[in-house]
Amino acid sequence: MLSQTSRYALNILGFLARDPAQRVRGEEIARGTGIPSNYLSKILNRLRKQGIVDAAKGWGGGFRLREESLAKPISEILQIFDGVESTERNDCLFGLPHCDASNPCPLHSYWEKIRDIHGTMLRSTTVADLASSEN
């Protein structure tokens, strides 16, 4: 349901959220998360451009979460990488082009409940919540 890039971004933010005031060098994030360094730098750069993390060069430099980012729902992070579609999925489990309440597939009512729960989880889980998960 999530792209590899989105999963990596959430993993990075969970790693940084464990000590949000601490600046962490890219190499340390790569080691701590297992994300390849070149992929990590692209994700961190995008998070920086979106105002989610701050970056500083030189001695004592690295990345850290911006304080206001801790309260952001992860749905906002996913939208950065996967667009709105990732958090508002209305597609059919069978991939049918015209599946809705008036023309349901055999699993429509089950899948609709799962989509609703998934969307609620994405909107109610914050970046700060990622710190308590094991990455």
N, C-alpha and C. Protein backbone atom coordinates (compact mmCIF):
# COMPACT_ATOMS: atom_id res chain seq x y z
N MET A 1 0.81 -1.19 0.00
CA MET A 1 0.00 0.00 0.00
C MET A 1 0.86 1.26 0.00
N LEU A 2 2.08 1.17 0.48
CA LEU A 2 2.98 2.32 0.49
C LEU A 2 4.16 2.02 -0.43
N SER A 3 4.66 3.05 -1.08
CA SER A 3 5.85 2.88 -1.90
C SER A 3 7.06 2.64 -1.01
N GLN A 4 8.10 2.10 -1.60
CA GLN A 4 9.35 1.89 -0.87
C GLN A 4 9.89 3.22 -0.35
N THR A 5 9.78 4.26 -1.14
CA THR A 5 10.27 5.58 -0.72
C THR A 5 9.51 6.07 0.50
N SER A 6 8.20 5.91 0.51
CA SER A 6 7.40 6.32 1.67
C SER A 6 7.76 5.51 2.91
N ARG A 7 7.95 4.22 2.75
CA ARG A 7 8.34 3.38 3.90
C ARG A 7 9.69 3.85 4.44
N TYR A 8 10.62 4.13 3.56
CA TYR A 8 11.92 4.64 3.99
C TYR A 8 11.78 5.99 4.70
N ALA A 9 10.96 6.88 4.14
CA ALA A 9 10.77 8.20 4.76
C ALA A 9 10.22 8.06 6.17
N LEU A 10 9.23 7.20 6.37
CA LEU A 10 8.68 7.00 7.71
C LEU A 10 9.72 6.39 8.64
N ASN A 11 10.53 5.50 8.12
CA ASN A 11 11.60 4.89 8.91
C ASN A 11 12.61 5.95 9.35
N ILE A 12 12.99 6.83 8.43
CA ILE A 12 13.93 7.92 8.74
C ILE A 12 13.34 8.82 9.82
N LEU A 13 12.09 9.21 9.65
CA LEU A 13 11.46 10.11 10.61
C LEU A 13 11.32 9.45 11.97
N GLY A 14 11.03 8.16 12.01
CA GLY A 14 10.97 7.44 13.28
C GLY A 14 12.33 7.44 13.96
N PHE A 15 13.38 7.26 13.17
CA PHE A 15 14.74 7.28 13.71
C PHE A 15 15.06 8.65 14.29
N LEU A 16 14.74 9.71 13.56
CA LEU A 16 15.02 11.07 14.03
C LEU A 16 14.12 11.47 15.20
N ALA A 17 12.92 10.95 15.23
CA ALA A 17 11.96 11.32 16.29
C ALA A 17 12.35 10.76 17.65
N ARG A 18 13.25 9.81 17.70
CA ARG A 18 13.69 9.26 18.99
C ARG A 18 14.41 10.30 19.83
N ASP A 19 15.08 11.23 19.16
CA ASP A 19 15.75 12.34 19.85
C ASP A 19 15.68 13.54 18.91
N PRO A 20 14.53 14.20 18.84
CA PRO A 20 14.32 15.23 17.82
C PRO A 20 15.23 16.44 17.91
N ALA A 21 15.78 16.73 19.06
CA ALA A 21 16.67 17.89 19.18
C ALA A 21 18.08 17.58 18.69
N GLN A 22 18.42 16.34 18.57
CA GLN A 22 19.76 15.88 18.19
C GLN A 22 19.95 15.95 16.67
N ARG A 23 21.06 16.51 16.22
CA ARG A 23 21.44 16.46 14.81
C ARG A 23 22.13 15.12 14.56
N VAL A 24 21.73 14.48 13.48
CA VAL A 24 22.26 13.17 13.15
C VAL A 24 22.81 13.21 11.73
N ARG A 25 24.04 12.75 11.57
CA ARG A 25 24.67 12.72 10.26
C ARG A 25 24.01 11.65 9.39
N GLY A 26 24.04 11.88 8.10
CA GLY A 26 23.43 10.96 7.15
C GLY A 26 23.95 9.54 7.27
N GLU A 27 25.25 9.41 7.49
CA GLU A 27 25.85 8.07 7.60
C GLU A 27 25.26 7.30 8.78
N GLU A 28 25.03 8.01 9.87
CA GLU A 28 24.47 7.37 11.07
C GLU A 28 23.02 6.95 10.83
N ILE A 29 22.27 7.79 10.12
CA ILE A 29 20.88 7.43 9.79
C ILE A 29 20.88 6.19 8.89
N ALA A 30 21.77 6.18 7.92
CA ALA A 30 21.86 5.02 7.01
C ALA A 30 22.16 3.74 7.78
N ARG A 31 23.13 3.83 8.69
CA ARG A 31 23.47 2.64 9.50
C ARG A 31 22.30 2.23 10.39
N GLY A 32 21.66 3.21 11.00
CA GLY A 32 20.58 2.92 11.94
C GLY A 32 19.30 2.41 11.30
N THR A 33 19.09 2.76 10.03
CA THR A 33 17.86 2.36 9.36
C THR A 33 18.06 1.28 8.31
N GLY A 34 19.29 1.11 7.86
CA GLY A 34 19.56 0.14 6.79
C GLY A 34 19.18 0.65 5.41
N ILE A 35 18.95 1.94 5.29
CA ILE A 35 18.58 2.53 4.01
C ILE A 35 19.86 2.89 3.25
N PRO A 36 19.95 2.51 1.98
CA PRO A 36 21.15 2.85 1.20
C PRO A 36 21.40 4.36 1.20
N SER A 37 22.65 4.75 1.37
CA SER A 37 23.03 6.16 1.52
C SER A 37 22.54 7.06 0.39
N ASN A 38 22.66 6.60 -0.86
CA ASN A 38 22.25 7.45 -1.97
C ASN A 38 20.73 7.67 -1.97
N TYR A 39 19.98 6.64 -1.62
CA TYR A 39 18.52 6.75 -1.53
C TYR A 39 18.15 7.64 -0.34
N LEU A 40 18.84 7.46 0.76
CA LEU A 40 18.61 8.23 1.97
C LEU A 40 18.79 9.73 1.72
N SER A 41 19.85 10.09 1.03
CA SER A 41 20.11 11.51 0.80
C SER A 41 19.02 12.16 -0.05
N LYS A 42 18.48 11.44 -1.01
CA LYS A 42 17.39 11.99 -1.83
C LYS A 42 16.13 12.21 -0.99
N ILE A 43 15.83 11.26 -0.11
CA ILE A 43 14.65 11.38 0.75
C ILE A 43 14.83 12.52 1.74
N LEU A 44 16.01 12.60 2.36
CA LEU A 44 16.28 13.67 3.32
C LEU A 44 16.22 15.04 2.66
N ASN A 45 16.72 15.13 1.44
CA ASN A 45 16.67 16.40 0.72
C ASN A 45 15.22 16.81 0.45
N ARG A 46 14.41 15.87 0.09
CA ARG A 46 12.99 16.19 -0.14
C ARG A 46 12.29 16.58 1.15
N LEU A 47 12.59 15.89 2.24
CA LEU A 47 12.03 16.25 3.54
C LEU A 47 12.49 17.64 3.98
N ARG A 48 13.73 17.98 3.67
CA ARG A 48 14.25 19.31 3.98
C ARG A 48 13.52 20.37 3.17
N LYS A 49 13.36 20.14 1.89
CA LYS A 49 12.67 21.11 1.03
C LYS A 49 11.22 21.32 1.46
N GLN A 50 10.61 20.30 2.03
CA GLN A 50 9.21 20.39 2.48
C GLN A 50 9.10 20.95 3.91
N GLY A 51 10.24 21.24 4.54
CA GLY A 51 10.23 21.82 5.88
C GLY A 51 9.98 20.83 7.00
N ILE A 52 10.20 19.56 6.74
CA ILE A 52 9.99 18.52 7.75
C ILE A 52 11.25 18.37 8.62
N VAL A 53 12.40 18.44 7.99
CA VAL A 53 13.67 18.35 8.72
C VAL A 53 14.51 19.59 8.41
N ASP A 54 15.46 19.86 9.31
CA ASP A 54 16.47 20.89 9.09
C ASP A 54 17.79 20.19 8.80
N ALA A 55 18.63 20.84 8.05
CA ALA A 55 19.95 20.30 7.75
C ALA A 55 21.01 21.36 8.02
N ALA A 56 22.14 20.91 8.54
CA ALA A 56 23.27 21.81 8.77
C ALA A 56 24.53 21.10 8.31
N LYS A 57 25.40 21.86 7.64
CA LYS A 57 26.66 21.30 7.15
C LYS A 57 27.77 21.56 8.15
N GLY A 58 28.85 20.84 7.98
CA GLY A 58 30.05 21.08 8.76
C GLY A 58 30.05 20.37 10.11
N TRP A 59 31.01 20.80 10.96
CA TRP A 59 31.18 20.21 12.28
C TRP A 59 29.89 20.38 13.08
N GLY A 60 29.40 19.31 13.66
CA GLY A 60 28.16 19.36 14.42
C GLY A 60 26.92 19.39 13.55
N GLY A 61 27.12 19.21 12.25
CA GLY A 61 26.00 19.25 11.31
C GLY A 61 25.24 17.94 11.26
N GLY A 62 24.28 17.89 10.41
CA GLY A 62 23.46 16.71 10.24
C GLY A 62 22.00 17.11 10.07
N PHE A 63 21.15 16.16 10.30
CA PHE A 63 19.71 16.37 10.12
C PHE A 63 19.00 16.23 11.45
N ARG A 64 17.93 17.00 11.59
CA ARG A 64 17.07 16.84 12.75
C ARG A 64 15.66 17.22 12.36
N LEU A 65 14.72 16.68 13.09
CA LEU A 65 13.32 17.00 12.86
C LEU A 65 13.02 18.42 13.31
N ARG A 66 12.23 19.11 12.55
CA ARG A 66 11.74 20.41 13.03
C ARG A 66 10.68 20.11 14.08
N GLU A 67 10.64 20.90 15.12
CA GLU A 67 9.75 20.65 16.24
C GLU A 67 8.29 20.50 15.80
N GLU A 68 7.85 21.36 14.89
CA GLU A 68 6.46 21.29 14.45
C GLU A 68 6.15 20.04 13.64
N SER A 69 7.18 19.39 13.12
CA SER A 69 6.97 18.16 12.35
C SER A 69 6.52 16.99 13.21
N LEU A 70 6.84 17.03 14.48
CA LEU A 70 6.44 15.93 15.38
C LEU A 70 4.93 15.75 15.44
N ALA A 71 4.18 16.83 15.27
CA ALA A 71 2.72 16.77 15.36
C ALA A 71 2.06 16.46 14.02
N LYS A 72 2.83 16.40 12.95
CA LYS A 72 2.24 16.14 11.63
C LYS A 72 1.75 14.70 11.54
N PRO A 73 0.56 14.52 10.97
CA PRO A 73 0.10 13.15 10.72
C PRO A 73 0.94 12.53 9.60
N ILE A 74 1.14 11.24 9.67
CA ILE A 74 1.97 10.60 8.65
C ILE A 74 1.31 10.65 7.27
N SER A 75 0.00 10.89 7.22
CA SER A 75 -0.66 11.05 5.92
C SER A 75 -0.04 12.21 5.15
N GLU A 76 0.37 13.27 5.85
CA GLU A 76 1.01 14.42 5.18
C GLU A 76 2.37 14.04 4.62
N ILE A 77 3.09 13.19 5.32
CA ILE A 77 4.40 12.72 4.83
C ILE A 77 4.21 11.86 3.59
N LEU A 78 3.25 10.97 3.64
CA LEU A 78 3.00 10.09 2.50
C LEU A 78 2.58 10.87 1.27
N GLN A 79 1.85 11.95 1.46
CA GLN A 79 1.44 12.78 0.33
C GLN A 79 2.64 13.41 -0.37
N ILE A 80 3.68 13.71 0.39
CA ILE A 80 4.90 14.28 -0.20
C ILE A 80 5.51 13.31 -1.21
N PHE A 81 5.51 12.03 -0.88
CA PHE A 81 6.19 11.04 -1.71
C PHE A 81 5.28 10.29 -2.67
N ASP A 82 4.04 10.05 -2.27
CA ASP A 82 3.14 9.24 -3.10
C ASP A 82 1.94 10.00 -3.62
N GLY A 83 1.77 11.24 -3.20
CA GLY A 83 0.62 12.03 -3.63
C GLY A 83 -0.61 11.71 -2.80
N VAL A 84 -1.67 12.41 -3.07
CA VAL A 84 -2.91 12.26 -2.32
C VAL A 84 -3.47 10.85 -2.46
N GLU A 85 -3.26 10.24 -3.62
CA GLU A 85 -3.82 8.91 -3.87
C GLU A 85 -3.43 7.89 -2.81
N SER A 86 -2.25 8.02 -2.25
CA SER A 86 -1.77 7.03 -1.28
C SER A 86 -2.57 7.06 0.01
N THR A 87 -3.14 8.20 0.35
CA THR A 87 -3.87 8.30 1.62
C THR A 87 -5.38 8.27 1.41
N GLU A 88 -5.81 8.41 0.19
CA GLU A 88 -7.25 8.40 -0.10
C GLU A 88 -7.56 7.35 -1.16
N ARG A 89 -7.07 6.17 -0.94
CA ARG A 89 -7.25 5.10 -1.92
C ARG A 89 -8.71 4.68 -2.01
N ASN A 90 -9.22 4.71 -3.21
CA ASN A 90 -10.59 4.26 -3.44
C ASN A 90 -10.62 3.16 -4.49
N ASP A 91 -9.47 2.58 -4.76
CA ASP A 91 -9.43 1.56 -5.79
C ASP A 91 -10.05 0.24 -5.32
N CYS A 92 -10.43 -0.54 -6.28
CA CYS A 92 -11.05 -1.84 -6.01
C CYS A 92 -9.97 -2.87 -5.72
N LEU A 93 -10.26 -3.74 -4.78
CA LEU A 93 -9.30 -4.80 -4.43
C LEU A 93 -9.03 -5.71 -5.63
N PHE A 94 -10.04 -5.89 -6.46
CA PHE A 94 -9.89 -6.71 -7.67
C PHE A 94 -9.33 -5.92 -8.85
N GLY A 95 -9.23 -4.60 -8.67
CA GLY A 95 -8.74 -3.76 -9.75
C GLY A 95 -9.81 -3.40 -10.76
N LEU A 96 -11.07 -3.60 -10.41
CA LEU A 96 -12.15 -3.26 -11.33
C LEU A 96 -12.28 -1.75 -11.46
N PRO A 97 -12.50 -1.25 -12.67
CA PRO A 97 -12.55 0.20 -12.86
C PRO A 97 -13.82 0.86 -12.33
N HIS A 98 -14.90 0.11 -12.20
CA HIS A 98 -16.18 0.69 -11.77
C HIS A 98 -16.72 -0.06 -10.57
N CYS A 99 -16.01 -0.01 -9.48
CA CYS A 99 -16.44 -0.67 -8.25
C CYS A 99 -16.78 0.42 -7.24
N ASP A 100 -18.03 0.46 -6.82
CA ASP A 100 -18.47 1.41 -5.80
C ASP A 100 -19.70 0.84 -5.12
N ALA A 101 -20.31 1.62 -4.25
CA ALA A 101 -21.46 1.12 -3.49
C ALA A 101 -22.62 0.70 -4.40
N SER A 102 -22.77 1.37 -5.54
CA SER A 102 -23.87 1.00 -6.44
C SER A 102 -23.50 -0.13 -7.39
N ASN A 103 -22.23 -0.40 -7.54
CA ASN A 103 -21.76 -1.47 -8.42
C ASN A 103 -20.59 -2.19 -7.74
N PRO A 104 -20.86 -2.88 -6.61
CA PRO A 104 -19.76 -3.44 -5.81
C PRO A 104 -19.21 -4.76 -6.35
N CYS A 105 -17.92 -4.94 -6.11
CA CYS A 105 -17.32 -6.25 -6.36
C CYS A 105 -17.67 -7.15 -5.18
N PRO A 106 -17.36 -8.45 -5.24
CA PRO A 106 -17.72 -9.35 -4.14
C PRO A 106 -17.11 -8.99 -2.79
N LEU A 107 -15.99 -8.28 -2.77
CA LEU A 107 -15.32 -7.94 -1.51
C LEU A 107 -15.44 -6.45 -1.16
N HIS A 108 -16.25 -5.72 -1.89
CA HIS A 108 -16.34 -4.27 -1.72
C HIS A 108 -16.62 -3.85 -0.27
N SER A 109 -17.60 -4.45 0.38
CA SER A 109 -17.96 -4.01 1.73
C SER A 109 -16.83 -4.28 2.73
N TYR A 110 -16.10 -5.36 2.55
CA TYR A 110 -14.96 -5.65 3.44
C TYR A 110 -13.81 -4.67 3.18
N TRP A 111 -13.49 -4.50 1.90
CA TRP A 111 -12.38 -3.64 1.52
C TRP A 111 -12.64 -2.19 1.91
N GLU A 112 -13.89 -1.75 1.81
CA GLU A 112 -14.26 -0.39 2.20
C GLU A 112 -13.96 -0.14 3.67
N LYS A 113 -14.26 -1.11 4.52
CA LYS A 113 -13.98 -0.98 5.96
C LYS A 113 -12.48 -0.90 6.21
N ILE A 114 -11.74 -1.75 5.53
CA ILE A 114 -10.28 -1.77 5.69
C ILE A 114 -9.68 -0.44 5.23
N ARG A 115 -10.14 0.07 4.09
CA ARG A 115 -9.66 1.37 3.58
C ARG A 115 -9.95 2.48 4.58
N ASP A 116 -11.14 2.45 5.18
CA ASP A 116 -11.51 3.48 6.16
C ASP A 116 -10.61 3.42 7.39
N ILE A 117 -10.36 2.22 7.89
CA ILE A 117 -9.49 2.05 9.06
C ILE A 117 -8.07 2.50 8.71
N HIS A 118 -7.60 2.11 7.54
CA HIS A 118 -6.26 2.49 7.09
C HIS A 118 -6.13 4.01 7.00
N GLY A 119 -7.10 4.67 6.40
CA GLY A 119 -7.08 6.13 6.28
C GLY A 119 -7.10 6.81 7.64
N THR A 120 -7.91 6.30 8.55
CA THR A 120 -7.97 6.85 9.90
C THR A 120 -6.63 6.71 10.60
N MET A 121 -6.00 5.56 10.44
CA MET A 121 -4.68 5.33 11.05
C MET A 121 -3.65 6.32 10.50
N LEU A 122 -3.66 6.54 9.20
CA LEU A 122 -2.69 7.46 8.59
C LEU A 122 -2.91 8.90 9.04
N ARG A 123 -4.16 9.27 9.25
CA ARG A 123 -4.46 10.65 9.67
C ARG A 123 -4.28 10.86 11.17
N SER A 124 -4.34 9.79 11.96
CA SER A 124 -4.26 9.94 13.42
C SER A 124 -2.87 9.61 13.99
N THR A 125 -2.03 8.96 13.22
CA THR A 125 -0.68 8.64 13.67
C THR A 125 0.24 9.80 13.30
N THR A 126 0.98 10.31 14.28
CA THR A 126 1.87 11.44 14.03
C THR A 126 3.31 10.98 13.85
N VAL A 127 4.13 11.88 13.39
CA VAL A 127 5.56 11.61 13.26
C VAL A 127 6.14 11.25 14.63
N ALA A 128 5.70 11.92 15.68
CA ALA A 128 6.17 11.61 17.04
C ALA A 128 5.85 10.17 17.42
N ASP A 129 4.72 9.66 16.97
CA ASP A 129 4.34 8.28 17.27
C ASP A 129 5.31 7.27 16.67
N LEU A 130 5.99 7.65 15.60
CA LEU A 130 6.93 6.75 14.96
C LEU A 130 8.15 6.46 15.83
N ALA A 131 8.44 7.33 16.78
CA ALA A 131 9.60 7.16 17.64
C ALA A 131 9.47 5.95 18.54
N SER A 132 8.24 5.59 18.89
CA SER A 132 8.06 4.48 19.80
C SER A 132 8.03 3.14 19.09
N SER A 133 8.01 3.15 17.74
CA SER A 133 7.98 1.89 17.02
C SER A 133 9.39 1.40 16.78
N GLU A 134 9.51 0.11 16.64
CA GLU A 134 10.80 -0.49 16.33
C GLU A 134 11.00 -0.42 14.82
N ASN A 135 12.09 0.19 14.37
CA ASN A 135 12.38 0.29 12.94
C ASN A 135 13.35 -0.76 12.53
